[in-house]
């Protein structure tokens, strides 16, 4: 049986890393919610993050020779937390909105209270941790496949 050309093997490993790097955090998120039916929504979102943000970051990191797991984890946290953090920025003075959670007021006159900022940080921290899980999965597949040399 002929040997697979190296470029095809390398490309296959990158595709596998991308898919598993998106699937594992989506699955972990669904397991924490105790609802696997949410996977149909979570996986496309994590895959979009992996393709739009993660792949360019991985290529940049590779060019910069930042190929260790710590760099992958830091990049994954940023990719997981920042896009949604920008989209869900809670300050909107124009609406003058007020909101409460089960225990306290979270927004007063369109501005988050301390409780609101803590809730915002907790949510986006958990999204950042999902990014870390995805990035480390991606990194581990590349390392296992032999296409990554760590610095």
Protein backbone atom coordinates (compact mmCIF):
# COMPACT_ATOMS: atom_id res chain seq x y z
CA UNK A 1 0.00 0.00 0.00
CA UNK A 2 1.51 3.36 -0.99
CA UNK A 3 2.43 5.81 1.71
CA UNK A 4 0.11 8.79 2.11
CA UNK A 5 1.79 12.02 1.02
CA UNK A 6 2.93 14.06 3.99
CA UNK A 7 0.81 17.10 3.03
CA UNK A 8 -2.38 15.01 3.06
CA UNK A 9 -1.50 13.51 6.43
CA UNK A 10 -0.68 16.91 7.89
CA UNK A 11 -3.88 18.45 6.50
CA UNK A 12 -5.93 15.58 7.89
CA UNK A 13 -4.43 16.05 11.35
CA UNK A 14 -5.17 19.79 11.24
CA UNK A 15 -8.79 19.10 10.22
CA UNK A 16 -9.17 16.49 12.98
CA UNK A 17 -7.68 18.92 15.51
CA UNK A 18 -10.05 21.65 14.38
CA UNK A 19 -13.12 19.42 14.59
CA UNK A 20 -12.24 17.88 17.95
CA UNK A 21 -11.10 21.25 19.28
CA UNK A 22 -14.64 22.48 18.63
CA UNK A 23 -16.51 19.30 19.58
CA UNK A 24 -14.93 18.66 23.01
CA UNK A 25 -15.86 22.04 24.60
CA UNK A 26 -19.35 21.87 23.06
CA UNK A 27 -19.83 18.41 24.55
CA UNK A 28 -18.42 19.50 27.92
CA UNK A 29 -20.79 22.47 27.97
CA UNK A 30 -23.77 20.19 27.23
CA UNK A 31 -22.71 17.72 29.91
CA UNK A 32 -22.58 20.54 32.49
CA UNK A 33 -26.10 21.56 31.43
CA UNK A 34 -27.17 17.89 31.65
CA UNK A 35 -28.76 18.28 28.22
CA UNK A 36 -27.06 16.70 25.22
CA UNK A 37 -29.77 18.02 22.89
CA UNK A 38 -28.06 21.41 23.20
CA UNK A 39 -25.10 19.94 21.28
CA UNK A 40 -26.86 20.67 17.96
CA UNK A 41 -26.61 24.39 18.79
CA UNK A 42 -23.34 24.43 20.74
CA UNK A 43 -21.17 22.57 18.20
CA UNK A 44 -21.77 24.96 15.26
CA UNK A 45 -20.97 27.90 17.56
CA UNK A 46 -17.73 26.37 18.84
CA UNK A 47 -16.81 25.27 15.31
CA UNK A 48 -17.34 28.83 14.04
CA UNK A 49 -15.10 30.16 16.81
CA UNK A 50 -12.48 27.54 15.96
CA UNK A 51 -12.50 28.37 12.24
CA UNK A 52 -12.88 32.16 12.43
CA UNK A 53 -10.65 32.87 15.44
CA UNK A 54 -8.78 29.69 16.39
CA UNK A 55 -7.30 28.65 13.07
CA UNK A 56 -5.80 32.07 12.27
CA UNK A 57 -4.49 32.27 15.85
CA UNK A 58 -2.93 28.81 15.55
CA UNK A 59 -1.23 29.73 12.29
CA UNK A 60 0.05 32.98 13.82
CA UNK A 61 1.27 31.14 16.92
CA UNK A 62 3.05 28.59 14.73
CA UNK A 63 4.76 31.35 12.74
CA UNK A 64 5.82 33.06 15.98
CA UNK A 65 6.98 29.69 17.39
CA UNK A 66 4.54 30.00 20.32
CA UNK A 67 3.67 26.32 20.22
CA UNK A 68 3.52 25.33 23.88
CA UNK A 69 0.38 24.35 25.78
CA UNK A 70 0.44 27.52 27.91
CA UNK A 71 0.29 29.71 24.80
CA UNK A 72 -2.53 27.54 23.43
CA UNK A 73 -4.47 27.85 26.70
CA UNK A 74 -4.07 31.63 26.87
CA UNK A 75 -5.14 32.04 23.26
CA UNK A 76 -8.08 29.69 23.81
CA UNK A 77 -9.26 31.69 26.82
CA UNK A 78 -9.22 34.91 24.81
CA UNK A 79 -11.00 33.28 21.85
CA UNK A 80 -13.64 31.79 24.15
CA UNK A 81 -14.32 34.89 26.24
CA UNK A 82 -13.71 38.02 24.18
CA UNK A 83 -16.05 37.78 21.15
CA UNK A 84 -19.12 37.07 23.28
CA UNK A 85 -17.89 39.56 25.88
CA UNK A 86 -17.90 42.32 23.29
CA UNK A 87 -21.28 41.26 21.90
CA UNK A 88 -22.87 41.11 25.37
CA UNK A 89 -21.28 44.28 26.79
CA UNK A 90 -23.74 45.22 29.53
CA UNK A 91 -23.43 49.03 29.60
CA UNK A 92 -26.22 50.83 27.74
CA UNK A 93 -27.13 54.11 29.41
CA UNK A 94 -29.50 55.02 26.58
CA UNK A 95 -32.04 52.37 27.57
CA UNK A 96 -32.06 53.22 31.24
CA UNK A 97 -32.88 49.55 31.82
CA UNK A 98 -33.02 47.83 35.17
CA UNK A 99 -32.53 44.10 35.77
CA UNK A 100 -32.38 41.68 38.66
CA UNK A 101 -31.28 38.10 39.13
CA UNK A 102 -32.63 35.85 41.89
CA UNK A 103 -30.65 37.63 44.60
CA UNK A 104 -29.86 41.23 43.64
CA UNK A 105 -30.18 44.03 41.13
CA UNK A 106 -27.69 43.54 38.29
CA UNK A 107 -28.38 46.64 36.14
CA UNK A 108 -29.48 50.05 37.38
CA UNK A 109 -30.37 52.73 34.82
CA UNK A 110 -28.47 50.87 32.06
CA UNK A 111 -25.29 50.46 34.11
CA UNK A 112 -24.27 47.16 35.74
CA UNK A 113 -24.05 47.02 39.52
CA UNK A 114 -21.24 45.14 41.25
CA UNK A 115 -23.45 42.04 41.18
CA UNK A 116 -24.00 42.58 37.44
CA UNK A 117 -20.27 42.85 36.76
CA UNK A 118 -19.61 39.69 38.79
CA UNK A 119 -22.29 37.84 36.83
CA UNK A 120 -20.79 39.13 33.56
CA UNK A 121 -17.27 38.03 34.61
CA UNK A 122 -18.49 34.60 35.74
CA UNK A 123 -20.28 33.90 32.47
CA UNK A 124 -17.42 35.05 30.28
CA UNK A 125 -14.89 33.28 32.48
CA UNK A 126 -16.77 30.04 31.84
CA UNK A 127 -16.74 30.77 28.09
CA UNK A 128 -13.00 31.40 28.36
CA UNK A 129 -12.55 28.04 30.08
CA UNK A 130 -14.44 26.38 27.22
CA UNK A 131 -11.95 28.08 24.91
CA UNK A 132 -9.06 26.66 26.96
CA UNK A 133 -10.53 23.15 26.68
CA UNK A 134 -10.89 23.54 22.91
CA UNK A 135 -7.42 25.02 22.44
CA UNK A 136 -5.72 22.33 24.51
CA UNK A 137 -7.62 19.63 22.62
CA UNK A 138 -6.51 21.22 19.34
CA UNK A 139 -2.92 21.47 20.61
CA UNK A 140 -2.88 17.86 21.86
CA UNK A 141 -4.12 16.49 18.51
CA UNK A 142 -1.44 18.45 16.62
CA UNK A 143 1.20 17.26 19.08
CA UNK A 144 -0.01 13.64 18.88
CA UNK A 145 -0.06 13.83 15.08
CA UNK A 146 3.56 14.96 14.99
CA UNK A 147 2.90 18.20 13.13
CA UNK A 148 3.73 20.44 16.08
CA UNK A 149 7.14 21.07 17.50
CA UNK A 150 6.89 22.76 20.89
CA UNK A 151 9.27 25.56 21.76
